Amino acid sequence: MWKVASFAMDFLLNTWIHSNLTNHVGAENFLPLHDWSNPRDFNPVISPKIQSMAARSKSGIIEEIKKDLFSEKDTKVTAALSKTRDAADPSLVEPLLTFFATTSNPEWKAEAAEMLSTLKVSKVNKYFMDALASPSMRHLRREILAFMWNSNVQPVEDFVEITRIALSGNFEETFECLTLLESLDKIIPEEVLLECISLIGQYKPKLDENSRNILIGDFLALLETHRVKGELD
């Protein structure tokens, strides 16, 4: 859903640039376009100079969103949420998580959660993992993991960190780590798997956390399944 919105935003931005900036930068900076009368043939080609200008314009929009999400004016916050949905930019994950955690408006919180749960943009995995590693986001680890699961994020390269959270977190966080592991379509790389299994081997179960110990046992069993699948492939 965010991918479609991103294409629409880029299309409108490029159209605006093409129609308004020719006089400022010179028509020679625009390469020939395909015939727009045929939607299937629509593939505008813009010079590097104009692409750079478009990137700066989009960057300005992203920075404005980050600021307005925390505005004292409700109208600006509402507009920022709408722009967040349209922008479909993975760099908005962290400010949106902060907004989700701090807003007292239930409708805004629900809208932020819905967007974080339906992210279908490239490179979003990095921003979720950065948030999990951030001390300031420590209290949101369970929610972040749940958002990753809902967005079908496949953090196979980063599963050592997920394993550390499973071992150090509370029951809810361990459960979310297990759920994320169960949802993987991709196979975890062998070197990552071996480190994850090694970490669990060093873990000392806590006698007063039997339910969580069971989850960790299930987590290990799934890791072993991934190892078998990797060997078969």
Protein backbone atom coordinates (compact mmCIF):
# COMPACT_ATOMS: atom_id res chain seq x y z
CA MET A 1 0.00 0.00 0.00
CA TRP A 2 2.83 2.41 0.89
CA LYS A 3 4.62 1.46 -2.37
CA VAL A 4 1.65 2.60 -4.47
CA ALA A 5 1.43 5.85 -2.52
CA SER A 6 5.15 6.43 -3.03
CA PHE A 7 4.83 5.97 -6.81
CA ALA A 8 1.94 8.44 -6.90
CA MET A 9 3.92 10.98 -4.89
CA ASP A 10 6.98 10.64 -7.15
CA PHE A 11 4.80 10.93 -10.26
CA LEU A 12 3.17 14.15 -9.05
CA LEU A 13 6.52 15.59 -7.99
CA ASN A 14 8.16 14.79 -11.33
CA THR A 15 5.19 16.20 -13.25
CA TRP A 16 5.37 19.42 -11.26
CA ILE A 17 9.09 19.74 -11.85
CA HIS A 18 8.77 19.11 -15.56
CA SER A 19 6.02 21.68 -16.01
CA ASN A 20 7.36 24.43 -13.73
CA LEU A 21 11.15 24.31 -13.70
CA THR A 22 12.04 24.10 -17.39
CA ASN A 23 12.43 27.87 -17.61
CA HIS A 24 14.73 27.93 -14.58
CA VAL A 25 17.12 25.13 -15.39
CA GLY A 26 16.79 24.93 -19.15
CA ALA A 27 14.95 22.47 -21.34
CA GLU A 28 18.23 20.78 -22.17
CA ASN A 29 18.19 19.23 -18.67
CA PHE A 30 15.14 17.19 -19.55
CA LEU A 31 15.67 14.09 -21.60
CA PRO A 32 13.00 13.10 -24.17
CA LEU A 33 9.89 11.59 -22.64
CA HIS A 34 7.84 8.68 -23.89
CA ASP A 35 4.40 9.23 -25.32
CA TRP A 36 2.19 10.03 -22.32
CA SER A 37 -0.97 9.32 -24.31
CA ASN A 38 -0.36 5.62 -23.78
CA PRO A 39 -0.28 4.81 -20.02
CA ARG A 40 1.60 1.58 -20.70
CA ASP A 41 4.36 3.61 -22.36
CA PHE A 42 4.63 6.16 -19.55
CA ASN A 43 8.24 6.18 -18.46
CA PRO A 44 9.54 9.75 -17.98
CA VAL A 45 13.30 10.08 -18.05
CA ILE A 46 14.73 13.09 -16.20
CA SER A 47 18.32 14.23 -16.13
CA PRO A 48 20.50 13.71 -13.03
CA LYS A 49 20.30 17.44 -12.25
CA ILE A 50 16.51 17.35 -12.02
CA GLN A 51 16.56 14.05 -10.13
CA SER A 52 18.81 15.72 -7.56
CA MET A 53 16.34 18.59 -7.20
CA ALA A 54 13.47 16.11 -6.75
CA ALA A 55 15.42 14.25 -4.06
CA ARG A 56 16.03 17.48 -2.16
CA SER A 57 12.34 18.37 -2.42
CA LYS A 58 11.32 14.97 -1.03
CA SER A 59 13.89 15.30 1.74
CA GLY A 60 12.32 18.61 2.70
CA ILE A 61 8.90 16.99 2.88
CA ILE A 62 10.24 14.22 5.15
CA GLU A 63 11.84 16.73 7.52
CA GLU A 64 8.61 18.72 7.65
CA ILE A 65 6.68 15.57 8.55
CA LYS A 66 9.12 14.73 11.36
CA LYS A 67 8.63 18.19 12.83
CA ASP A 68 4.85 18.45 12.39
CA LEU A 69 4.14 15.04 13.95
CA PHE A 70 4.99 16.65 17.28
CA SER A 71 3.34 20.00 16.67
CA GLU A 72 1.04 21.49 19.30
CA LYS A 73 -1.48 22.18 16.55
CA ASP A 74 -3.86 19.30 15.89
CA THR A 75 -4.30 20.31 12.25
CA LYS A 76 -0.55 20.00 11.62
CA VAL A 77 -0.38 16.60 13.32
CA THR A 78 -3.32 15.29 11.28
CA ALA A 79 -1.75 16.60 8.07
CA ALA A 80 1.62 15.09 9.02
CA LEU A 81 0.04 11.66 9.49
CA SER A 82 -1.57 11.92 6.07
CA LYS A 83 1.75 12.97 4.51
CA THR A 84 3.48 10.08 6.29
CA ARG A 85 1.15 7.64 4.59
CA ASP A 86 1.73 9.28 1.20
CA ALA A 87 5.51 9.58 1.59
CA ALA A 88 6.01 5.87 2.28
CA ASP A 89 9.56 6.54 3.42
CA PRO A 90 11.29 4.02 5.72
CA SER A 91 13.19 6.81 7.52
CA LEU A 92 9.86 7.77 9.11
CA VAL A 93 9.76 4.54 11.14
CA GLU A 94 11.57 5.93 14.18
CA PRO A 95 9.64 9.24 14.45
CA LEU A 96 6.40 7.35 13.88
CA LEU A 97 7.31 4.92 16.67
CA THR A 98 8.06 7.83 18.99
CA PHE A 99 4.76 9.43 18.03
CA PHE A 100 2.93 6.17 18.65
CA ALA A 101 4.48 5.91 22.12
CA THR A 102 3.89 9.51 23.19
CA THR A 103 0.55 10.59 21.73
CA SER A 104 -2.44 10.51 24.05
CA ASN A 105 -4.89 10.73 21.15
CA PRO A 106 -6.30 7.20 20.63
CA GLU A 107 -7.22 7.84 16.97
CA TRP A 108 -3.72 9.10 16.14
CA LYS A 109 -2.15 6.19 18.01
CA ALA A 110 -4.31 3.71 16.08
CA GLU A 111 -3.43 5.37 12.76
CA ALA A 112 0.30 5.27 13.56
CA ALA A 113 0.05 1.62 14.58
CA GLU A 114 -1.81 0.76 11.38
CA MET A 115 0.88 2.39 9.23
CA LEU A 116 3.70 0.69 11.15
CA SER A 117 1.92 -2.65 10.71
CA THR A 118 1.51 -2.37 6.94
CA LEU A 119 4.93 -1.17 5.78
CA LYS A 120 5.76 -2.63 2.37
CA VAL A 121 8.74 -0.49 1.42
CA SER A 122 12.33 -1.48 0.77
CA LYS A 123 15.00 -1.03 3.45
CA VAL A 124 12.39 -0.82 6.22
CA ASN A 125 14.08 -3.72 8.01
CA LYS A 126 17.13 -1.56 8.80
CA TYR A 127 15.02 1.11 10.49
CA PHE A 128 13.11 -1.40 12.60
CA MET A 129 16.39 -3.02 13.69
CA ASP A 130 17.87 0.40 14.52
CA ALA A 131 14.83 1.09 16.67
CA LEU A 132 15.22 -2.25 18.48
CA ALA A 133 18.86 -1.39 19.23
CA SER A 134 18.07 2.10 20.50
CA PRO A 135 18.08 2.47 24.31
CA SER A 136 15.39 5.15 24.00
CA MET A 137 13.11 2.59 22.34
CA ARG A 138 13.72 -0.15 24.92
CA HIS A 139 10.20 0.16 26.30
CA LEU A 140 8.75 -0.37 22.80
CA ARG A 141 10.52 -3.61 21.90
CA ARG A 142 7.38 -5.77 22.09
CA GLU A 143 5.44 -3.35 19.87
CA ILE A 144 8.30 -3.02 17.37
CA LEU A 145 8.56 -6.80 17.04
CA ALA A 146 4.80 -7.02 16.53
CA PHE A 147 4.92 -4.32 13.84
CA MET A 148 7.72 -6.23 12.10
CA TRP A 149 5.63 -9.41 12.13
CA ASN A 150 2.57 -7.60 10.78
CA SER A 151 4.64 -6.00 8.02
CA ASN A 152 6.13 -9.40 7.10
CA VAL A 153 9.66 -8.12 7.65
CA GLN A 154 12.27 -10.84 7.03
CA PRO A 155 15.27 -9.93 9.23
CA VAL A 156 17.20 -13.14 8.54
CA GLU A 157 20.56 -11.37 8.54
CA ASP A 158 19.80 -9.76 11.90
CA PHE A 159 18.52 -12.74 13.84
CA VAL A 160 21.39 -12.73 16.31
CA GLU A 161 19.98 -9.50 17.73
CA ILE A 162 16.45 -10.94 17.72
CA THR A 163 17.80 -13.97 19.63
CA ARG A 164 19.44 -11.71 22.22
CA ILE A 165 16.11 -9.99 22.77
CA ALA A 166 14.37 -13.35 23.10
CA LEU A 167 16.85 -14.35 25.82
CA SER A 168 16.98 -11.05 27.71
CA GLY A 169 13.42 -9.83 27.35
CA ASN A 170 10.23 -10.49 29.26
CA PHE A 171 7.65 -13.12 28.32
CA GLU A 172 5.83 -10.86 25.83
CA GLU A 173 9.06 -9.91 24.04
CA THR A 174 10.22 -13.52 23.86
CA PHE A 175 6.83 -14.51 22.47
CA GLU A 176 7.04 -11.82 19.76
CA CYS A 177 10.55 -13.00 18.82
CA LEU A 178 9.24 -16.56 18.47
CA THR A 179 6.30 -15.37 16.38
CA LEU A 180 8.66 -13.44 14.11
CA LEU A 181 10.85 -16.52 13.70
CA GLU A 182 7.80 -18.65 12.83
CA SER A 183 6.78 -16.18 10.12
CA LEU A 184 10.06 -16.25 8.19
CA ASP A 185 9.80 -17.30 4.56
CA LYS A 186 13.53 -16.98 4.00
CA ILE A 187 16.16 -19.28 5.49
CA ILE A 188 18.48 -17.75 8.09
CA PRO A 189 22.13 -17.84 6.88
CA GLU A 190 24.18 -20.64 8.42
CA GLU A 191 26.69 -18.38 10.21
CA VAL A 192 23.82 -16.42 11.77
CA LEU A 193 22.05 -19.63 12.79
CA LEU A 194 25.14 -21.04 14.47
CA GLU A 195 25.64 -17.88 16.52
CA CYS A 196 21.96 -17.85 17.54
CA ILE A 197 22.15 -21.49 18.63
CA SER A 198 25.38 -20.79 20.50
CA LEU A 199 23.76 -17.92 22.41
CA ILE A 200 20.90 -20.16 23.51
CA GLY A 201 23.42 -22.81 24.56
CA GLN A 202 25.01 -20.27 26.92
CA TYR A 203 21.65 -19.20 28.34
CA LYS A 204 20.90 -20.18 31.93
CA PRO A 205 17.14 -20.74 32.40
CA LYS A 206 15.52 -18.94 35.30
CA LEU A 207 13.60 -21.25 37.61
CA ASP A 208 10.83 -18.72 38.17
CA GLU A 209 10.21 -18.21 34.43
CA ASN A 210 9.09 -21.64 33.32
CA SER A 211 6.68 -20.36 30.69
CA ARG A 212 9.36 -18.22 29.07
CA ASN A 213 11.83 -21.11 29.23
CA ILE A 214 9.37 -23.18 27.20
CA LEU A 215 9.21 -20.42 24.57
CA ILE A 216 13.01 -20.36 24.37
CA GLY A 217 12.98 -24.14 23.87
CA ASP A 218 10.52 -23.69 21.00
CA PHE A 219 12.73 -20.92 19.62
CA LEU A 220 15.74 -23.25 19.59
CA ALA A 221 13.74 -26.01 17.89
CA LEU A 222 12.76 -23.62 15.09
CA LEU A 223 16.36 -22.53 14.64
CA GLU A 224 17.33 -26.18 14.26
CA THR A 225 14.59 -26.56 11.64
CA HIS A 226 16.08 -23.68 9.71
CA ARG A 227 19.48 -25.33 9.87
CA VAL A 228 18.10 -28.57 8.44
CA LYS A 229 16.32 -26.71 5.65
CA GLY A 230 19.53 -24.83 4.88
CA GLU A 231 21.46 -28.08 4.59
CA LEU A 232 18.83 -29.57 2.29
CA ASP A 233 18.93 -26.53 0.03
